[in-house]
Amino acid sequence: MVSVFRIKAPLAPKPKLREEIMKDVISQIHEWIKLVSQVGLGLIALGVIAEIVFGRGAIFGASVIGNLQQIVTDIGGENGFIGLVAILIIFAILQRNR
């Protein structure tokens, strides 16, 4: 007796195109960068709080606040105001992309 119904093998998934693979890779890299930057900002905030509470050199003997002041001074020159504005602009751009 011959069966009228045929059992079909499941169709293999369509292979991804190279562009789709690259989009996936770039998306994954973007997520990793966001995660690392969030962890970094959290660690900086923790260092600032620890230095305020426990004094200078509370985190591995380094001065987080002193290093941040040096970065602002390096970016903005002597007065540091321009450096502070530049850092605020960068921070606003990062927040806008979230």
PDB file of N, CA and C in Angstrom:
ATOM      1  N   MET A   1       0.828  -1.157   0.000  1.00  0.00           N
ATOM      2  CA  MET A   1       0.000   0.000   0.000  1.00  0.00           C
ATOM      3  C   MET A   1       0.888   1.240   0.000  1.00  0.00           C
ATOM      4  N   VAL A   2       0.608   2.149  -0.870  1.00  0.00           N
ATOM      5  CA  VAL A   2       1.397   3.364  -1.025  1.00  0.00           C
ATOM      6  C   VAL A   2       0.689   4.499  -0.298  1.00  0.00           C
ATOM      7  N   SER A   3       1.476   5.201   0.492  1.00  0.00           N
ATOM      8  CA  SER A   3       0.903   6.315   1.246  1.00  0.00           C
ATOM      9  C   SER A   3       0.798   7.544   0.361  1.00  0.00           C
ATOM     10  N   VAL A   4      -0.313   8.228   0.501  1.00  0.00           N
ATOM     11  CA  VAL A   4      -0.531   9.440  -0.281  1.00  0.00           C
ATOM     12  C   VAL A   4       0.266  10.606   0.306  1.00  0.00           C
ATOM     13  N   PHE A   5       0.479  10.578   1.590  1.00  0.00           N
ATOM     14  CA  PHE A   5       1.182  11.669   2.263  1.00  0.00           C
ATOM     15  C   PHE A   5       2.680  11.410   2.249  1.00  0.00           C
ATOM     16  N   ARG A   6       3.407  12.410   1.932  1.00  0.00           N
ATOM     17  CA  ARG A   6       4.857  12.318   1.982  1.00  0.00           C
ATOM     18  C   ARG A   6       5.361  13.127   3.169  1.00  0.00           C
ATOM     19  N   ILE A   7       6.309  12.567   3.847  1.00  0.00           N
ATOM     20  CA  ILE A   7       6.920  13.280   4.958  1.00  0.00           C
ATOM     21  C   ILE A   7       8.100  14.052   4.399  1.00  0.00           C
ATOM     22  N   LYS A   8       8.034  15.350   4.580  1.00  0.00           N
ATOM     23  CA  LYS A   8       9.109  16.197   4.063  1.00  0.00           C
ATOM     24  C   LYS A   8      10.105  16.480   5.172  1.00  0.00           C
ATOM     25  N   ALA A   9      11.331  16.500   4.796  1.00  0.00           N
ATOM     26  CA  ALA A   9      12.378  16.864   5.749  1.00  0.00           C
ATOM     27  C   ALA A   9      12.255  18.358   6.039  1.00  0.00           C
ATOM     28  N   PRO A  10      12.552  18.752   7.282  1.00  0.00           N
ATOM     29  CA  PRO A  10      12.462  20.182   7.592  1.00  0.00           C
ATOM     30  C   PRO A  10      13.451  20.970   6.741  1.00  0.00           C
ATOM     31  N   LEU A  11      13.023  22.137   6.363  1.00  0.00           N
ATOM     32  CA  LEU A  11      13.881  22.981   5.535  1.00  0.00           C
ATOM     33  C   LEU A  11      15.044  23.509   6.363  1.00  0.00           C
ATOM     34  N   ALA A  12      16.176  23.498   5.763  1.00  0.00           N
ATOM     35  CA  ALA A  12      17.354  24.039   6.442  1.00  0.00           C
ATOM     36  C   ALA A  12      17.208  25.554   6.530  1.00  0.00           C
ATOM     37  N   PRO A  13      17.684  26.142   7.630  1.00  0.00           N
ATOM     38  CA  PRO A  13      17.577  27.597   7.731  1.00  0.00           C
ATOM     39  C   PRO A  13      18.393  28.273   6.641  1.00  0.00           C
ATOM     40  N   LYS A  14      17.874  29.373   6.190  1.00  0.00           N
ATOM     41  CA  LYS A  14      18.534  30.119   5.136  1.00  0.00           C
ATOM     42  C   LYS A  14      19.837  30.698   5.692  1.00  0.00           C
ATOM     43  N   PRO A  15      20.941  30.486   5.014  1.00  0.00           N
ATOM     44  CA  PRO A  15      22.208  31.009   5.539  1.00  0.00           C
ATOM     45  C   PRO A  15      22.189  32.540   5.574  1.00  0.00           C
ATOM     46  N   LYS A  16      22.841  33.082   6.600  1.00  0.00           N
ATOM     47  CA  LYS A  16      22.881  34.532   6.741  1.00  0.00           C
ATOM     48  C   LYS A  16      23.817  35.121   5.693  1.00  0.00           C
ATOM     49  N   LEU A  17      23.438  36.270   5.247  1.00  0.00           N
ATOM     50  CA  LEU A  17      24.300  36.989   4.328  1.00  0.00           C
ATOM     51  C   LEU A  17      25.452  37.622   5.097  1.00  0.00           C
ATOM     52  N   ARG A  18      26.490  37.941   4.389  1.00  0.00           N
ATOM     53  CA  ARG A  18      27.666  38.530   5.012  1.00  0.00           C
ATOM     54  C   ARG A  18      27.324  39.854   5.706  1.00  0.00           C
ATOM     55  N   GLU A  19      26.413  40.641   5.099  1.00  0.00           N
ATOM     56  CA  GLU A  19      26.026  41.917   5.689  1.00  0.00           C
ATOM     57  C   GLU A  19      25.307  41.709   7.015  1.00  0.00           C
ATOM     58  N   GLU A  20      24.453  40.693   7.079  1.00  0.00           N
ATOM     59  CA  GLU A  20      23.733  40.410   8.317  1.00  0.00           C
ATOM     60  C   GLU A  20      24.691  39.966   9.416  1.00  0.00           C
ATOM     61  N   ILE A  21      25.674  39.173   9.045  1.00  0.00           N
ATOM     62  CA  ILE A  21      26.668  38.721  10.017  1.00  0.00           C
ATOM     63  C   ILE A  21      27.453  39.914  10.545  1.00  0.00           C
ATOM     64  N   MET A  22      27.862  40.818   9.657  1.00  0.00           N
ATOM     65  CA  MET A  22      28.615  41.992  10.087  1.00  0.00           C
ATOM     66  C   MET A  22      27.767  42.897  10.976  1.00  0.00           C
ATOM     67  N   LYS A  23      26.479  43.043  10.656  1.00  0.00           N
ATOM     68  CA  LYS A  23      25.593  43.839  11.506  1.00  0.00           C
ATOM     69  C   LYS A  23      25.497  43.225  12.896  1.00  0.00           C
ATOM     70  N   ASP A  24      25.408  41.904  12.961  1.00  0.00           N
ATOM     71  CA  ASP A  24      25.357  41.221  14.254  1.00  0.00           C
ATOM     72  C   ASP A  24      26.649  41.432  15.041  1.00  0.00           C
ATOM     73  N   VAL A  25      27.782  41.331  14.361  1.00  0.00           N
ATOM     74  CA  VAL A  25      29.076  41.511  15.024  1.00  0.00           C
ATOM     75  C   VAL A  25      29.217  42.941  15.536  1.00  0.00           C
ATOM     76  N   ILE A  26      28.871  43.909  14.710  1.00  0.00           N
ATOM     77  CA  ILE A  26      28.969  45.315  15.116  1.00  0.00           C
ATOM     78  C   ILE A  26      28.027  45.604  16.272  1.00  0.00           C
ATOM     79  N   SER A  27      26.838  45.035  16.226  1.00  0.00           N
ATOM     80  CA  SER A  27      25.883  45.217  17.323  1.00  0.00           C
ATOM     81  C   SER A  27      26.431  44.633  18.618  1.00  0.00           C
ATOM     82  N   GLN A  28      27.040  43.468  18.533  1.00  0.00           N
ATOM     83  CA  GLN A  28      27.618  42.832  19.722  1.00  0.00           C
ATOM     84  C   GLN A  28      28.777  43.657  20.279  1.00  0.00           C
ATOM     85  N   ILE A  29      29.633  44.166  19.409  1.00  0.00           N
ATOM     86  CA  ILE A  29      30.749  45.008  19.846  1.00  0.00           C
ATOM     87  C   ILE A  29      30.218  46.278  20.505  1.00  0.00           C
ATOM     88  N   HIS A  30      29.178  46.861  19.919  1.00  0.00           N
ATOM     89  CA  HIS A  30      28.568  48.064  20.484  1.00  0.00           C
ATOM     90  C   HIS A  30      28.038  47.791  21.887  1.00  0.00           C
ATOM     91  N   GLU A  31      27.409  46.660  22.091  1.00  0.00           N
ATOM     92  CA  GLU A  31      26.890  46.304  23.416  1.00  0.00           C
ATOM     93  C   GLU A  31      28.028  46.126  24.423  1.00  0.00           C
ATOM     94  N   TRP A  32      29.138  45.513  23.999  1.00  0.00           N
ATOM     95  CA  TRP A  32      30.286  45.328  24.893  1.00  0.00           C
ATOM     96  C   TRP A  32      30.885  46.676  25.283  1.00  0.00           C
ATOM     97  N   ILE A  33      30.991  47.579  24.323  1.00  0.00           N
ATOM     98  CA  ILE A  33      31.544  48.901  24.613  1.00  0.00           C
ATOM     99  C   ILE A  33      30.655  49.640  25.606  1.00  0.00           C
ATOM    100  N   LYS A  34      29.335  49.550  25.424  1.00  0.00           N
ATOM    101  CA  LYS A  34      28.420  50.187  26.370  1.00  0.00           C
ATOM    102  C   LYS A  34      28.575  49.597  27.760  1.00  0.00           C
ATOM    103  N   LEU A  35      28.705  48.290  27.836  1.00  0.00           N
ATOM    104  CA  LEU A  35      28.848  47.630  29.133  1.00  0.00           C
ATOM    105  C   LEU A  35      30.147  48.046  29.825  1.00  0.00           C
ATOM    106  N   VAL A  36      31.236  48.054  29.082  1.00  0.00           N
ATOM    107  CA  VAL A  36      32.531  48.423  29.662  1.00  0.00           C
ATOM    108  C   VAL A  36      32.520  49.883  30.116  1.00  0.00           C
ATOM    109  N   SER A  37      31.912  50.770  29.321  1.00  0.00           N
ATOM    110  CA  SER A  37      31.874  52.180  29.720  1.00  0.00           C
ATOM    111  C   SER A  37      30.996  52.385  30.945  1.00  0.00           C
ATOM    112  N   GLN A  38      29.902  51.640  31.059  1.00  0.00           N
ATOM    113  CA  GLN A  38      29.054  51.750  32.246  1.00  0.00           C
ATOM    114  C   GLN A  38      29.792  51.259  33.488  1.00  0.00           C
ATOM    115  N   VAL A  39      30.517  50.167  33.354  1.00  0.00           N
ATOM    116  CA  VAL A  39      31.297  49.656  34.484  1.00  0.00           C
ATOM    117  C   VAL A  39      32.395  50.654  34.858  1.00  0.00           C
ATOM    118  N   GLY A  40      33.046  51.232  33.862  1.00  0.00           N
ATOM    119  CA  GLY A  40      34.098  52.216  34.125  1.00  0.00           C
ATOM    120  C   GLY A  40      33.569  53.447  34.847  1.00  0.00           C
ATOM    121  N   LEU A  41      32.423  53.966  34.391  1.00  0.00           N
ATOM    122  CA  LEU A  41      31.835  55.123  35.067  1.00  0.00           C
ATOM    123  C   LEU A  41      31.427  54.778  36.492  1.00  0.00           C
ATOM    124  N   GLY A  42      30.932  53.576  36.694  1.00  0.00           N
ATOM    125  CA  GLY A  42      30.576  53.144  38.045  1.00  0.00           C
ATOM    126  C   GLY A  42      31.790  53.061  38.952  1.00  0.00           C
ATOM    127  N   LEU A  43      32.897  52.553  38.415  1.00  0.00           N
ATOM    128  CA  LEU A  43      34.126  52.466  39.207  1.00  0.00           C
ATOM    129  C   LEU A  43      34.695  53.845  39.532  1.00  0.00           C
ATOM    130  N   ILE A  44      34.600  54.767  38.586  1.00  0.00           N
ATOM    131  CA  ILE A  44      35.059  56.132  38.850  1.00  0.00           C
ATOM    132  C   ILE A  44      34.210  56.766  39.948  1.00  0.00           C
ATOM    133  N   ALA A  45      32.889  56.595  39.854  1.00  0.00           N
ATOM    134  CA  ALA A  45      32.002  57.141  40.886  1.00  0.00           C
ATOM    135  C   ALA A  45      32.306  56.520  42.247  1.00  0.00           C
ATOM    136  N   LEU A  46      32.542  55.220  42.269  1.00  0.00           N
ATOM    137  CA  LEU A  46      32.893  54.546  43.522  1.00  0.00           C
ATOM    138  C   LEU A  46      34.208  55.087  44.082  1.00  0.00           C
ATOM    139  N   GLY A  47      35.176  55.321  43.214  1.00  0.00           N
ATOM    140  CA  GLY A  47      36.452  55.870  43.654  1.00  0.00           C
ATOM    141  C   GLY A  47      36.318  57.268  44.226  1.00  0.00           C
ATOM    142  N   VAL A  48      35.490  58.101  43.593  1.00  0.00           N
ATOM    143  CA  VAL A  48      35.275  59.458  44.103  1.00  0.00           C
ATOM    144  C   VAL A  48      34.613  59.408  45.472  1.00  0.00           C
ATOM    145  N   ILE A  49      33.582  58.576  45.607  1.00  0.00           N
ATOM    146  CA  ILE A  49      32.884  58.462  46.894  1.00  0.00           C
ATOM    147  C   ILE A  49      33.823  57.915  47.967  1.00  0.00           C
ATOM    148  N   ALA A  50      34.604  56.901  47.628  1.00  0.00           N
ATOM    149  CA  ALA A  50      35.537  56.327  48.603  1.00  0.00           C
ATOM    150  C   ALA A  50      36.585  57.347  49.021  1.00  0.00           C
ATOM    151  N   GLU A  51      37.040  58.162  48.077  1.00  0.00           N
ATOM    152  CA  GLU A  51      38.045  59.170  48.417  1.00  0.00           C
ATOM    153  C   GLU A  51      37.448  60.280  49.274  1.00  0.00           C
ATOM    154  N   ILE A  52      36.196  60.628  49.045  1.00  0.00           N
ATOM    155  CA  ILE A  52      35.543  61.636  49.884  1.00  0.00           C
ATOM    156  C   ILE A  52      35.356  61.099  51.301  1.00  0.00           C
ATOM    157  N   VAL A  53      34.927  59.845  51.409  1.00  0.00           N
ATOM    158  CA  VAL A  53      34.637  59.272  52.726  1.00  0.00           C
ATOM    159  C   VAL A  53      35.915  58.912  53.483  1.00  0.00           C
ATOM    160  N   PHE A  54      36.850  58.225  52.833  1.00  0.00           N
ATOM    161  CA  PHE A  54      38.017  57.683  53.523  1.00  0.00           C
ATOM    162  C   PHE A  54      39.284  58.508  53.363  1.00  0.00           C
ATOM    163  N   GLY A  55      39.263  59.499  52.519  1.00  0.00           N
ATOM    164  CA  GLY A  55      40.441  60.346  52.337  1.00  0.00           C
ATOM    165  C   GLY A  55      41.250  59.955  51.111  1.00  0.00           C
ATOM    166  N   ARG A  56      42.276  60.738  50.874  1.00  0.00           N
ATOM    167  CA  ARG A  56      43.112  60.566  49.683  1.00  0.00           C
ATOM    168  C   ARG A  56      43.820  59.213  49.695  1.00  0.00           C
ATOM    169  N   GLY A  57      43.822  58.559  48.552  1.00  0.00           N
ATOM    170  CA  GLY A  57      44.522  57.285  48.415  1.00  0.00           C
ATOM    171  C   GLY A  57      43.747  56.095  48.945  1.00  0.00           C
ATOM    172  N   ALA A  58      42.431  56.205  49.046  1.00  0.00           N
ATOM    173  CA  ALA A  58      41.626  55.105  49.581  1.00  0.00           C
ATOM    174  C   ALA A  58      41.551  53.926  48.609  1.00  0.00           C
ATOM    175  N   ILE A  59      41.630  54.195  47.328  1.00  0.00           N
ATOM    176  CA  ILE A  59      41.552  53.142  46.316  1.00  0.00           C
ATOM    177  C   ILE A  59      42.957  52.876  45.778  1.00  0.00           C
ATOM    178  N   PHE A  60      43.568  51.813  46.217  1.00  0.00           N
ATOM    179  CA  PHE A  60      44.882  51.364  45.742  1.00  0.00           C
ATOM    180  C   PHE A  60      45.943  52.459  45.828  1.00  0.00           C
ATOM    181  N   GLY A  61      45.786  53.388  46.741  1.00  0.00           N
ATOM    182  CA  GLY A  61      46.773  54.445  46.907  1.00  0.00           C
ATOM    183  C   GLY A  61      46.729  55.522  45.846  1.00  0.00           C
ATOM    184  N   ALA A  62      45.755  55.486  44.959  1.00  0.00           N
ATOM    185  CA  ALA A  62      45.644  56.482  43.894  1.00  0.00           C
ATOM    186  C   ALA A  62      44.609  57.533  44.282  1.00  0.00           C
ATOM    187  N   SER A  63      44.800  58.735  43.786  1.00  0.00           N
ATOM    188  CA  SER A  63      43.860  59.817  44.037  1.00  0.00           C
ATOM    189  C   SER A  63      42.962  59.978  42.819  1.00  0.00           C
ATOM    190  N   VAL A  64      41.740  59.490  42.912  1.00  0.00           N
ATOM    191  CA  VAL A  64      40.803  59.549  41.791  1.00  0.00           C
ATOM    192  C   VAL A  64      40.434  60.999  41.496  1.00  0.00           C
ATOM    193  N   ILE A  65      40.141  61.765  42.533  1.00  0.00           N
ATOM    194  CA  ILE A  65      39.753  63.161  42.338  1.00  0.00           C
ATOM    195  C   ILE A  65      40.916  63.957  41.748  1.00  0.00           C
ATOM    196  N   GLY A  66      42.128  63.708  42.219  1.00  0.00           N
ATOM    197  CA  GLY A  66      43.300  64.386  41.663  1.00  0.00           C
ATOM    198  C   GLY A  66      43.506  64.050  40.195  1.00  0.00           C
ATOM    199  N   ASN A  67      43.295  62.789  39.842  1.00  0.00           N
ATOM    200  CA  ASN A  67      43.433  62.387  38.439  1.00  0.00           C
ATOM    201  C   ASN A  67      42.366  63.042  37.569  1.00  0.00           C
ATOM    202  N   LEU A  68      41.130  63.126  38.069  1.00  0.00           N
ATOM    203  CA  LEU A  68      40.068  63.791  37.309  1.00  0.00           C
ATOM    204  C   LEU A  68      40.373  65.275  37.140  1.00  0.00           C
ATOM    205  N   GLN A  69      40.892  65.910  38.189  1.00  0.00           N
ATOM    206  CA  GLN A  69      41.274  67.320  38.086  1.00  0.00           C
ATOM    207  C   GLN A  69      42.385  67.503  37.060  1.00  0.00           C
ATOM    208  N   GLN A  70      43.322  66.586  37.021  1.00  0.00           N
ATOM    209  CA  GLN A  70      44.419  66.671  36.057  1.00  0.00           C
ATOM    210  C   GLN A  70      43.906  66.515  34.631  1.00  0.00           C
ATOM    211  N   ILE A  71      42.954  65.614  34.418  1.00  0.00           N
ATOM    212  CA  ILE A  71      42.375  65.427  33.079  1.00  0.00           C
ATOM    213  C   ILE A  71      41.669  66.696  32.632  1.00  0.00           C
ATOM    214  N   VAL A  72      40.860  67.288  33.515  1.00  0.00           N
ATOM    215  CA  VAL A  72      40.142  68.520  33.172  1.00  0.00           C
ATOM    216  C   VAL A  72      41.130  69.640  32.869  1.00  0.00           C
ATOM    217  N   THR A  73      42.200  69.752  33.644  1.00  0.00           N
ATOM    218  CA  THR A  73      43.214  70.780  33.410  1.00  0.00           C
ATOM    219  C   THR A  73      43.947  70.533  32.094  1.00  0.00           C
ATOM    220  N   ASP A  74      44.254  69.280  31.796  1.00  0.00           N
ATOM    221  CA  ASP A  74      44.941  68.960  30.539  1.00  0.00           C
ATOM    222  C   ASP A  74      44.079  69.292  29.328  1.00  0.00           C
ATOM    223  N   ILE A  75      42.784  69.039  29.427  1.00  0.00           N
ATOM    224  CA  ILE A  75      41.896  69.314  28.294  1.00  0.00           C
ATOM    225  C   ILE A  75      41.678  70.812  28.132  1.00  0.00           C
ATOM    226  N   GLY A  76      41.486  71.515  29.243  1.00  0.00           N
ATOM    227  CA  GLY A  76      41.083  72.913  29.159  1.00  0.00           C
ATOM    228  C   GLY A  76      42.159  73.938  29.394  1.00  0.00           C
ATOM    229  N   GLY A  77      43.348  73.547  29.682  1.00  0.00           N
ATOM    230  CA  GLY A  77      44.399  74.522  29.929  1.00  0.00           C
ATOM    231  C   GLY A  77      44.456  74.923  31.391  1.00  0.00           C
ATOM    232  N   GLU A  78      44.876  76.149  31.643  1.00  0.00           N
ATOM    233  CA  GLU A  78      45.110  76.611  33.009  1.00  0.00           C
ATOM    234  C   GLU A  78      43.840  76.697  33.848  1.00  0.00           C
ATOM    235  N   ASN A  79      42.780  77.311  33.308  1.00  0.00           N
ATOM    236  CA  ASN A  79      41.599  77.513  34.144  1.00  0.00           C
ATOM    237  C   ASN A  79      40.751  76.255  34.291  1.00  0.00           C
ATOM    238  N   GLY A  80      40.798  75.351  33.351  1.00  0.00           N
ATOM    239  CA  GLY A  80      40.075  74.093  33.454  1.00  0.00           C
ATOM    240  C   GLY A  80      38.607  74.181  33.110  1.00  0.00           C
ATOM    241  N   PHE A  81      38.071  75.400  32.970  1.00  0.00           N
ATOM    242  CA  PHE A  81      36.645  75.539  32.679  1.00  0.00           C
ATOM    243  C   PHE A  81      36.305  74.971  31.311  1.00  0.00           C
ATOM    244  N   ILE A  82      37.146  75.225  30.329  1.00  0.00           N
ATOM    245  CA  ILE A  82      36.902  74.706  28.983  1.00  0.00           C
ATOM    246  C   ILE A  82      36.965  73.182  28.989  1.00  0.00           C
ATOM    247  N   GLY A  83      37.870  72.627  29.755  1.00  0.00           N
ATOM    248  CA  GLY A  83      37.951  71.171  29.877  1.00  0.00           C
ATOM    249  C   GLY A  83      36.707  70.591  30.511  1.00  0.00           C
ATOM    250  N   LEU A  84      36.183  71.279  31.527  1.00  0.00           N
ATOM    251  CA  LEU A  84      34.955  70.824  32.170  1.00  0.00           C
ATOM    252  C   LEU A  84      33.791  70.873  31.197  1.00  0.00           C
ATOM    253  N   VAL A  85      33.700  71.938  30.409  1.00  0.00           N
ATOM    254  CA  VAL A  85      32.637  72.045  29.406  1.00  0.00           C
ATOM    255  C   VAL A  85      32.786  70.939  28.369  1.00  0.00           C
ATOM    256  N   ALA A  86      34.021  70.650  27.936  1.00  0.00           N
ATOM    257  CA  ALA A  86      34.245  69.583  26.950  1.00  0.00           C
ATOM    258  C   ALA A  86      33.820  68.230  27.502  1.00  0.00           C
ATOM    259  N   ILE A  87      34.140  67.969  28.764  1.00  0.00           N
ATOM    260  CA  ILE A  87      33.746  66.695  29.371  1.00  0.00           C
ATOM    261  C   ILE A  87      32.231  66.607  29.489  1.00  0.00           C
ATOM    262  N   LEU A  88      31.572  67.711  29.843  1.00  0.00           N
ATOM    263  CA  LEU A  88      30.108  67.716  29.930  1.00  0.00           C
ATOM    264  C   LEU A  88      29.468  67.480  28.567  1.00  0.00           C
ATOM    265  N   ILE A  89      30.044  68.040  27.509  1.00  0.00           N
ATOM    266  CA  ILE A  89      29.519  67.808  26.160  1.00  0.00           C
ATOM    267  C   ILE A  89      29.678  66.341  25.775  1.00  0.00           C
ATOM    268  N   ILE A  90      30.834  65.761  26.053  1.00  0.00           N
ATOM    269  CA  ILE A  90      31.056  64.338  25.755  1.00  0.00           C
ATOM    270  C   ILE A  90      30.077  63.477  26.537  1.00  0.00           C
ATOM    271  N   PHE A  91      29.881  63.800  27.801  1.00  0.00           N
ATOM    272  CA  PHE A  91      28.938  63.050  28.636  1.00  0.00           C
ATOM    273  C   PHE A  91      27.516  63.170  28.094  1.00  0.00           C
ATOM    274  N   ALA A  92      27.121  64.368  27.636  1.00  0.00           N
ATOM    275  CA  ALA A  92      25.779  64.560  27.075  1.00  0.00           C
ATOM    276  C   ALA A  92      25.598  63.743  25.801  1.00  0.00           C
ATOM    277  N   ILE A  93      26.635  63.672  24.981  1.00  0.00           N
ATOM    278  CA  ILE A  93      26.556  62.869  23.755  1.00  0.00           C
ATOM    279  C   ILE A  93      26.399  61.393  24.094  1.00  0.00           C
ATOM    280  N   LEU A  94      27.148  60.919  25.087  1.00  0.00           N
ATOM    281  CA  LEU A  94      27.028  59.516  25.492  1.00  0.00           C
ATOM    282  C   LEU A  94      25.645  59.219  26.057  1.00  0.00           C
ATOM    283  N   GLN A  95      25.083  60.139  26.824  1.00  0.00           N
ATOM    284  CA  GLN A  95      23.757  59.933  27.402  1.00  0.00           C
ATOM    285  C   GLN A  95      22.676  59.965  26.329  1.00  0.00           C
ATOM    286  N   ARG A  96      22.851  60.794  25.299  1.00  0.00           N
ATOM    287  CA  ARG A  96      21.860  60.897  24.231  1.00  0.00           C
ATOM    288  C   ARG A  96      21.766  59.591  23.446  1.00  0.00           C
ATOM    289  N   ASN A  97      22.865  58.880  23.314  1.00  0.00           N
ATOM    290  CA  ASN A  97      22.889  57.641  22.535  1.00  0.00           C
ATOM    291  C   ASN A  97      22.277  56.468  23.271  1.00  0.00           C
ATOM    292  N   ARG A  98      21.953  56.603  24.536  1.00  0.00           N
ATOM    293  CA  ARG A  98      21.379  55.493  25.296  1.00  0.00           C
ATOM    294  C   ARG A  98      19.988  55.250  24.916  1.00  0.00           C
TER     295      ARG A  98
END
